[in-house]
C-alpha atoms as a PDB file:
ATOM      1  CA  MET A   1       7.223 -41.822 -17.203  1.00  0.00           C
ATOM      2  CA  GLN A   2       6.208 -45.507 -16.885  1.00  0.00           C
ATOM      3  CA  ILE A   3       2.771 -44.529 -15.310  1.00  0.00           C
ATOM      4  CA  ALA A   4       2.602 -42.434 -18.927  1.00  0.00           C
ATOM      5  CA  LEU A   5       3.487 -45.492 -20.411  1.00  0.00           C
ATOM      6  CA  ALA A   6       1.006 -48.046 -18.794  1.00  0.00           C
ATOM      7  CA  GLU A   7      -1.506 -45.529 -19.816  1.00  0.00           C
ATOM      8  CA  ALA A   8      -0.158 -45.395 -23.463  1.00  0.00           C
ATOM      9  CA  ARG A   9      -0.660 -49.355 -23.445  1.00  0.00           C
ATOM     10  CA  ALA A  10      -4.019 -49.129 -22.406  1.00  0.00           C
ATOM     11  CA  ALA A  11      -4.852 -46.511 -25.203  1.00  0.00           C
ATOM     12  CA  ALA A  12      -3.230 -48.802 -27.755  1.00  0.00           C
ATOM     13  CA  ALA A  13      -5.543 -51.692 -25.972  1.00  0.00           C
ATOM     14  CA  ALA A  14      -8.633 -49.179 -26.287  1.00  0.00           C
ATOM     15  CA  GLY A  15      -7.898 -48.763 -30.479  1.00  0.00           C
ATOM     16  CA  GLU A  16      -6.601 -45.367 -29.599  1.00  0.00           C
ATOM     17  CA  VAL A  17      -3.197 -44.235 -30.610  1.00  0.00           C
ATOM     18  CA  PRO A  18      -1.042 -45.123 -27.760  1.00  0.00           C
ATOM     19  CA  VAL A  19      -0.077 -42.033 -26.115  1.00  0.00           C
ATOM     20  CA  GLY A  20      -0.206 -41.331 -22.270  1.00  0.00           C
ATOM     21  CA  ALA A  21       0.375 -38.745 -19.406  1.00  0.00           C
ATOM     22  CA  VAL A  22       0.707 -37.922 -15.977  1.00  0.00           C
ATOM     23  CA  VAL A  23       0.552 -35.160 -13.957  1.00  0.00           C
ATOM     24  CA  THR A  24       2.235 -34.956 -10.798  1.00  0.00           C
ATOM     25  CA  ARG A  25       2.920 -31.872  -8.208  1.00  0.00           C
ATOM     26  CA  GLN A  26       5.981 -32.681  -5.324  1.00  0.00           C
ATOM     27  CA  GLY A  27       6.671 -36.429  -6.627  1.00  0.00           C
ATOM     28  CA  ALA A  28       2.989 -37.400  -6.078  1.00  0.00           C
ATOM     29  CA  VAL A  29       0.534 -38.195  -8.850  1.00  0.00           C
ATOM     30  CA  ILE A  30      -2.728 -35.597  -9.156  1.00  0.00           C
ATOM     31  CA  ALA A  31      -3.876 -37.526 -12.368  1.00  0.00           C
ATOM     32  CA  GLN A  32      -3.355 -39.791 -15.413  1.00  0.00           C
ATOM     33  CA  ALA A  33      -4.630 -40.147 -18.577  1.00  0.00           C
ATOM     34  CA  ARG A  34      -4.550 -41.727 -22.432  1.00  0.00           C
ATOM     35  CA  ASN A  35      -6.085 -40.490 -25.452  1.00  0.00           C
ATOM     36  CA  ARG A  36      -9.564 -40.797 -25.769  1.00  0.00           C
ATOM     37  CA  MET A  37     -10.731 -39.034 -29.191  1.00  0.00           C
ATOM     38  CA  ARG A  38     -12.408 -42.031 -30.140  1.00  0.00           C
ATOM     39  CA  GLU A  39     -13.984 -43.081 -26.902  1.00  0.00           C
ATOM     40  CA  GLY A  40     -15.195 -39.822 -26.196  1.00  0.00           C
ATOM     41  CA  HIS A  41     -16.011 -38.646 -30.008  1.00  0.00           C
ATOM     42  CA  ASP A  42     -13.850 -35.782 -28.936  1.00  0.00           C
ATOM     43  CA  PRO A  43     -10.884 -34.359 -31.224  1.00  0.00           C
ATOM     44  CA  THR A  44      -9.326 -32.481 -28.147  1.00  0.00           C
ATOM     45  CA  ALA A  45      -9.109 -35.920 -26.089  1.00  0.00           C
ATOM     46  CA  HIS A  46      -5.438 -36.157 -26.414  1.00  0.00           C
ATOM     47  CA  ALA A  47      -3.584 -37.561 -23.194  1.00  0.00           C
ATOM     48  CA  GLU A  48      -1.865 -34.523 -22.242  1.00  0.00           C
ATOM     49  CA  MET A  49      -5.661 -32.552 -22.434  1.00  0.00           C
ATOM     50  CA  VAL A  50      -7.012 -35.006 -20.436  1.00  0.00           C
ATOM     51  CA  ALA A  51      -4.836 -35.666 -18.025  1.00  0.00           C
ATOM     52  CA  LEU A  52      -4.245 -31.225 -17.473  1.00  0.00           C
ATOM     53  CA  ARG A  53      -8.328 -31.227 -16.688  1.00  0.00           C
ATOM     54  CA  ALA A  54      -8.345 -33.734 -14.538  1.00  0.00           C
ATOM     55  CA  ALA A  55      -5.310 -32.286 -12.365  1.00  0.00           C
ATOM     56  CA  ALA A  56      -7.004 -28.837 -12.586  1.00  0.00           C
ATOM     57  CA  GLU A  57     -10.296 -30.335 -11.095  1.00  0.00           C
ATOM     58  CA  ALA A  58      -8.638 -32.011  -8.390  1.00  0.00           C
ATOM     59  CA  LEU A  59      -6.525 -29.527  -7.355  1.00  0.00           C
ATOM     60  CA  GLY A  60      -9.129 -26.885  -8.032  1.00  0.00           C
ATOM     61  CA  THR A  61      -7.309 -24.478 -10.002  1.00  0.00           C
ATOM     62  CA  SER A  62      -6.523 -23.924 -13.926  1.00  0.00           C
ATOM     63  CA  ARG A  63      -2.775 -22.752 -12.580  1.00  0.00           C
ATOM     64  CA  LEU A  64      -1.198 -25.835 -12.606  1.00  0.00           C
ATOM     65  CA  ASP A  65       2.573 -23.863 -11.625  1.00  0.00           C
ATOM     66  CA  GLN A  66       3.735 -26.299  -9.300  1.00  0.00           C
ATOM     67  CA  CYS A  67       3.136 -29.354 -11.547  1.00  0.00           C
ATOM     68  CA  HIS A  68       5.025 -31.638 -13.765  1.00  0.00           C
ATOM     69  CA  LEU A  69       3.496 -33.035 -16.628  1.00  0.00           C
ATOM     70  CA  TRP A  70       5.459 -36.280 -18.343  1.00  0.00           C
ATOM     71  CA  VAL A  71       3.659 -37.563 -21.892  1.00  0.00           C
ATOM     72  CA  THR A  72       4.791 -40.467 -23.948  1.00  0.00           C
ATOM     73  CA  LEU A  73       5.073 -38.660 -27.358  1.00  0.00           C
ATOM     74  CA  GLU A  74       6.192 -34.368 -28.115  1.00  0.00           C
ATOM     75  CA  PRO A  75       2.981 -32.301 -27.560  1.00  0.00           C
ATOM     76  CA  CYS A  76       1.080 -30.848 -30.568  1.00  0.00           C
ATOM     77  CA  ALA A  77       0.390 -27.418 -30.733  1.00  0.00           C
ATOM     78  CA  MET A  78      -2.786 -27.858 -29.403  1.00  0.00           C
ATOM     79  CA  CYS A  79      -1.163 -29.624 -26.231  1.00  0.00           C
ATOM     80  CA  ALA A  80       1.142 -27.375 -26.296  1.00  0.00           C
ATOM     81  CA  GLY A  81      -0.917 -24.296 -25.901  1.00  0.00           C
ATOM     82  CA  ALA A  82      -2.931 -25.696 -23.025  1.00  0.00           C
ATOM     83  CA  ILE A  83       0.731 -26.727 -21.282  1.00  0.00           C
ATOM     84  CA  ALA A  84       1.582 -23.095 -21.241  1.00  0.00           C
ATOM     85  CA  LEU A  85      -1.982 -21.942 -20.455  1.00  0.00           C
ATOM     86  CA  ALA A  86      -2.156 -24.189 -17.390  1.00  0.00           C
ATOM     87  CA  ARG A  87       1.637 -22.599 -16.840  1.00  0.00           C
ATOM     88  CA  ILE A  88       3.416 -25.977 -16.435  1.00  0.00           C
ATOM     89  CA  ARG A  89       6.478 -26.037 -14.569  1.00  0.00           C
ATOM     90  CA  ARG A  90       8.411 -29.140 -16.208  1.00  0.00           C
ATOM     91  CA  LEU A  91       7.382 -31.230 -19.284  1.00  0.00           C
ATOM     92  CA  TYR A  92       9.038 -34.371 -19.413  1.00  0.00           C
ATOM     93  CA  PHE A  93       8.564 -36.216 -23.132  1.00  0.00           C
ATOM     94  CA  ALA A  94       9.375 -39.385 -24.351  1.00  0.00           C
ATOM     95  CA  ALA A  95       8.854 -39.735 -28.209  1.00  0.00           C
ATOM     96  CA  PRO A  96       9.885 -36.721 -30.396  1.00  0.00           C
ATOM     97  CA  ASP A  97       7.348 -36.486 -33.199  1.00  0.00           C
ATOM     98  CA  PRO A  98       9.013 -34.694 -36.150  1.00  0.00           C
ATOM     99  CA  LYS A  99       5.358 -34.647 -38.131  1.00  0.00           C
ATOM    100  CA  GLY A 100       2.671 -33.431 -35.299  1.00  0.00           C
ATOM    101  CA  GLY A 101       5.194 -32.112 -32.589  1.00  0.00           C
ATOM    102  CA  ALA A 102       4.999 -28.211 -31.313  1.00  0.00           C
ATOM    103  CA  VAL A 103       8.073 -28.234 -28.922  1.00  0.00           C
ATOM    104  CA  LEU A 104      10.910 -28.964 -30.566  1.00  0.00           C
ATOM    105  CA  HIS A 105       9.356 -29.367 -33.989  1.00  0.00           C
ATOM    106  CA  GLY A 106       6.900 -27.624 -35.625  1.00  0.00           C
ATOM    107  CA  PRO A 107       5.976 -24.136 -34.484  1.00  0.00           C
ATOM    108  CA  ARG A 108       8.272 -24.581 -31.375  1.00  0.00           C
ATOM    109  CA  LEU A 109       5.381 -23.282 -29.542  1.00  0.00           C
ATOM    110  CA  PHE A 110       7.608 -22.443 -25.765  1.00  0.00           C
ATOM    111  CA  ALA A 111      10.283 -20.169 -28.540  1.00  0.00           C
ATOM    112  CA  GLN A 112       7.372 -18.016 -29.804  1.00  0.00           C
ATOM    113  CA  PRO A 113       7.635 -14.171 -28.270  1.00  0.00           C
ATOM    114  CA  THR A 114       3.745 -14.901 -28.359  1.00  0.00           C
ATOM    115  CA  CYS A 115       3.824 -17.971 -25.615  1.00  0.00           C
ATOM    116  CA  HIS A 116       3.298 -16.132 -22.048  1.00  0.00           C
ATOM    117  CA  HIS A 117       4.876 -19.368 -20.158  1.00  0.00           C
ATOM    118  CA  ALA A 118       7.620 -21.293 -21.175  1.00  0.00           C
ATOM    119  CA  PRO A 119       7.755 -25.047 -19.066  1.00  0.00           C
ATOM    120  CA  GLU A 120      11.257 -26.592 -18.898  1.00  0.00           C
ATOM    121  CA  VAL A 121      11.563 -29.273 -21.536  1.00  0.00           C
ATOM    122  CA  TYR A 122      13.076 -32.666 -20.984  1.00  0.00           C
ATOM    123  CA  PRO A 123      12.704 -34.767 -23.962  1.00  0.00           C
ATOM    124  CA  GLY A 124      13.581 -38.720 -24.583  1.00  0.00           C
ATOM    125  CA  ILE A 125      12.939 -39.965 -21.405  1.00  0.00           C
ATOM    126  CA  GLY A 126      11.056 -43.244 -22.360  1.00  0.00           C
ATOM    127  CA  GLU A 127      11.825 -42.651 -26.164  1.00  0.00           C
ATOM    128  CA  GLU A 128      12.767 -46.443 -27.035  1.00  0.00           C
ATOM    129  CA  GLU A 129       9.748 -47.774 -25.163  1.00  0.00           C
ATOM    130  CA  ALA A 130       7.240 -45.160 -26.027  1.00  0.00           C
ATOM    131  CA  GLY A 131       8.899 -45.116 -29.903  1.00  0.00           C
ATOM    132  CA  ALA A 132       8.669 -49.128 -30.210  1.00  0.00           C
ATOM    133  CA  LEU A 133       4.310 -48.720 -29.068  1.00  0.00           C
ATOM    134  CA  LEU A 134       3.775 -46.296 -31.780  1.00  0.00           C
ATOM    135  CA  ARG A 135       5.648 -47.817 -34.377  1.00  0.00           C
ATOM    136  CA  ASP A 136       3.856 -51.394 -33.545  1.00  0.00           C
ATOM    137  CA  PHE A 137       0.639 -49.600 -33.365  1.00  0.00           C
ATOM    138  CA  PHE A 138       0.749 -48.111 -36.583  1.00  0.00           C
ATOM    139  CA  ARG A 139       2.097 -51.097 -38.069  1.00  0.00           C
ATOM    140  CA  GLU A 140      -0.800 -52.921 -36.980  1.00  0.00           C
ATOM    141  CA  ARG A 141      -3.255 -50.325 -39.152  1.00  0.00           C
ATOM    142  CA  ARG A 142      -0.927 -50.775 -41.854  1.00  0.00           C
ATOM    143  CA  THR A 143      -1.229 -54.217 -42.729  1.00  0.00           C
END
């Protein structure tokens, strides 16, 4: 999670919402990313999406069933859908997102009968630091 938090700090420094993600397999980092929506003029360039794409490219497959995803914020519906389609084995996330999250909040995508694959979910890892990064980022923009 420390690598994902470093990516989140880099996102904030670049003016992006501070979210970072890392894909690992057997303890090795396969891909790491941060939000790049503003930079790439791409509304789908959430940290999770960028990391999943990079991991799939690195491994030469869209099936990431032996991989784990570490992310600093509860994934939204788009990202949760991509996680399910990639067949990520385990999802670790730091801060919950009651407004935009889709794992423990909102649609709770992995609990839906139409979801073909649900990863094991481990929330709250690094929650304080990730939450502080997000609060500070938005506080600075509101003042």
